[in-house]
Protein backbone atom coordinates (compact mmCIF):
# COMPACT_ATOMS: atom_id res chain seq x y z
CA UNK A 1 0.00 0.00 0.00
CA UNK A 2 1.36 3.43 -0.95
CA UNK A 3 0.78 6.27 1.47
CA UNK A 4 0.70 9.84 0.29
CA UNK A 5 1.55 11.37 3.66
CA UNK A 6 5.31 11.39 3.21
CA UNK A 7 8.43 9.93 4.73
CA UNK A 8 9.55 10.37 8.31
CA UNK A 9 13.06 11.65 8.99
CA UNK A 10 15.18 10.87 12.03
CA UNK A 11 13.90 14.02 13.73
CA UNK A 12 10.30 12.94 13.00
CA UNK A 13 9.87 15.68 10.41
CA UNK A 14 7.78 14.56 7.46
CA UNK A 15 9.16 14.79 3.91
CA UNK A 16 6.63 15.35 1.19
CA UNK A 17 6.75 12.47 -1.32
CA UNK A 18 6.80 14.98 -4.20
CA UNK A 19 10.34 15.97 -3.24
CA UNK A 20 11.62 12.48 -4.06
CA UNK A 21 9.43 11.89 -7.11
CA UNK A 22 10.85 12.35 -10.58
CA UNK A 23 8.11 14.66 -11.74
CA UNK A 24 7.91 18.11 -13.21
CA UNK A 25 6.39 19.48 -10.00
CA UNK A 26 7.88 22.91 -9.31
CA UNK A 27 9.87 22.90 -6.09
CA UNK A 28 11.42 25.89 -4.39
CA UNK A 29 14.99 24.72 -3.71
CA UNK A 30 15.66 27.43 -1.14
CA UNK A 31 12.62 26.43 0.91
CA UNK A 32 13.65 22.77 0.71
CA UNK A 33 17.17 23.61 1.81
CA UNK A 34 15.94 25.67 4.76
CA UNK A 35 13.46 23.00 5.80
CA UNK A 36 15.71 19.96 5.55
CA UNK A 37 19.40 20.93 5.83
CA UNK A 38 20.39 21.17 9.48
CA UNK A 39 24.20 21.10 9.35
CA UNK A 40 26.63 22.95 7.10
CA UNK A 41 30.33 22.04 7.37
CA UNK A 42 32.79 24.67 6.17
CA UNK A 43 36.52 24.05 6.04
CA UNK A 44 37.86 27.60 6.07
CA UNK A 45 41.53 26.58 6.15
CA UNK A 46 43.60 23.67 4.93
CA UNK A 47 46.18 23.25 7.69
CA UNK A 48 46.42 20.63 10.42
CA UNK A 49 49.30 20.26 12.84
CA UNK A 50 48.58 16.60 13.61
CA UNK A 51 48.93 13.32 11.75
CA UNK A 52 46.14 11.17 13.20
CA UNK A 53 45.97 7.57 12.01
CA UNK A 54 42.18 7.71 11.59
CA UNK A 55 42.17 10.88 9.48
CA UNK A 56 41.82 10.46 5.70
CA UNK A 57 44.04 13.47 4.99
CA UNK A 58 46.79 12.62 7.49
CA UNK A 59 49.09 11.46 4.71
CA UNK A 60 48.82 14.74 2.76
CA UNK A 61 51.97 16.72 3.54
CA UNK A 62 50.49 19.87 1.99
CA UNK A 63 48.14 19.99 5.00
CA UNK A 64 51.16 20.59 7.24
CA UNK A 65 52.76 23.44 5.32
CA UNK A 66 51.47 26.95 4.84
CA UNK A 67 48.02 27.77 6.20
CA UNK A 68 45.73 28.53 3.27
CA UNK A 69 42.34 30.07 4.02
CA UNK A 70 39.22 30.02 1.90
CA UNK A 71 39.14 33.21 -0.14
CA UNK A 72 36.93 35.91 1.35
CA UNK A 73 34.82 36.33 -1.79
CA UNK A 74 33.97 32.60 -1.81
CA UNK A 75 33.27 32.63 1.93
CA UNK A 76 31.14 35.79 1.74
CA UNK A 77 29.11 34.34 -1.14
CA UNK A 78 28.48 31.14 0.85
CA UNK A 79 27.35 33.12 3.90
CA UNK A 80 25.20 35.41 1.69
CA UNK A 81 23.44 32.36 0.22
CA UNK A 82 22.70 31.08 3.72
CA UNK A 83 21.53 34.55 4.77
CA UNK A 84 18.95 34.53 1.93
CA UNK A 85 17.13 31.72 3.71
CA UNK A 86 17.82 33.00 7.24
CA UNK A 87 19.84 29.87 8.04
CA UNK A 88 19.49 29.15 11.77
CA UNK A 89 20.89 25.66 12.14
CA UNK A 90 24.40 24.33 12.83
CA UNK A 91 27.32 25.96 11.05
CA UNK A 92 30.34 23.72 11.71
CA UNK A 93 33.72 25.26 10.89
CA UNK A 94 35.94 22.37 10.01
CA UNK A 95 36.31 19.05 8.35
CA UNK A 96 39.90 17.81 8.24
CA UNK A 97 41.83 20.76 9.60
CA UNK A 98 42.70 22.58 12.82
CA UNK A 99 40.83 25.90 12.64
CA UNK A 100 42.61 27.42 15.67
CA UNK A 101 46.05 27.17 14.05
CA UNK A 102 45.51 30.71 12.73
CA UNK A 103 43.25 32.25 15.36
CA UNK A 104 43.10 35.82 14.05
CA UNK A 105 41.80 34.77 10.62
CA UNK A 106 39.50 32.12 12.10
CA UNK A 107 37.98 34.64 14.51
CA UNK A 108 37.39 36.97 11.55
CA UNK A 109 35.49 34.22 9.69
CA UNK A 110 33.42 33.35 12.79
CA UNK A 111 32.55 37.00 13.49
CA UNK A 112 31.44 37.53 9.91
CA UNK A 113 29.20 34.44 10.02
CA UNK A 114 27.67 35.48 13.36
CA UNK A 115 27.03 39.02 12.11
CA UNK A 116 25.37 37.82 8.89
CA UNK A 117 23.64 34.75 10.38
CA UNK A 118 22.80 35.78 13.95
CA UNK A 119 20.51 32.78 14.52
CA UNK A 120 22.98 30.16 13.28
CA UNK A 121 24.67 28.01 15.91
CA UNK A 122 28.45 28.05 15.51
CA UNK A 123 30.34 24.81 16.17
CA UNK A 124 33.78 23.40 15.44
CA UNK A 125 36.14 20.55 16.26
CA UNK A 126 39.67 21.08 17.52
CA UNK A 127 42.53 18.84 18.53
CA UNK A 128 42.96 21.15 21.54
CA UNK A 129 46.57 22.12 20.88
CA UNK A 130 45.73 25.81 20.53
CA UNK A 131 43.08 26.08 23.24
CA UNK A 132 43.64 28.24 26.30
CA UNK A 133 41.49 30.42 28.56
CA UNK A 134 41.85 33.53 26.37
CA UNK A 135 40.85 31.56 23.28
CA UNK A 136 37.79 30.14 25.02
CA UNK A 137 36.81 33.64 26.20
CA UNK A 138 37.13 35.01 22.66
CA UNK A 139 35.13 32.14 21.16
CA UNK A 140 32.38 32.66 23.74
CA UNK A 141 32.31 36.40 22.98
CA UNK A 142 31.97 35.65 19.25
CA UNK A 143 29.08 33.28 19.90
CA UNK A 144 30.50 29.79 19.42
CA UNK A 145 28.15 27.42 21.22
CA UNK A 146 30.03 24.13 20.97
CA UNK A 147 33.61 22.90 20.61
CA UNK A 148 34.34 19.21 20.23
CA UNK A 149 37.92 18.52 21.33
CA UNK A 150 39.06 15.33 19.64
């Protein structure tokens, strides 16, 4: 029996079946994104000071050299696109890097995101090597709500 109600997600939110159907039904992609995307991961720099055995980029020596940040125009466009839908979910600032290796630039990126997306919840992971009381105070002042120290 086919039900037309929809599909249930992990958070018990219903997905309209039309979203998954291969039809010509017009769908507003921005509304869909806002309704169903709850986490955005952004790797704003490429550097990591560790070589963890479980990390898929641990063998890439270029990750241990010069710290290269995402260009501001690319970053600003990404944030502007999220601002268009008033993104208010998790914005996680890393994938396979150590964001605190260049604190000044990282703080700049966080402040910009918080200014443009005041309702977004800022998160990131860190290996903890660059954490200290002053850093935690600054991150709290910026509005970071969660740090996962791995």
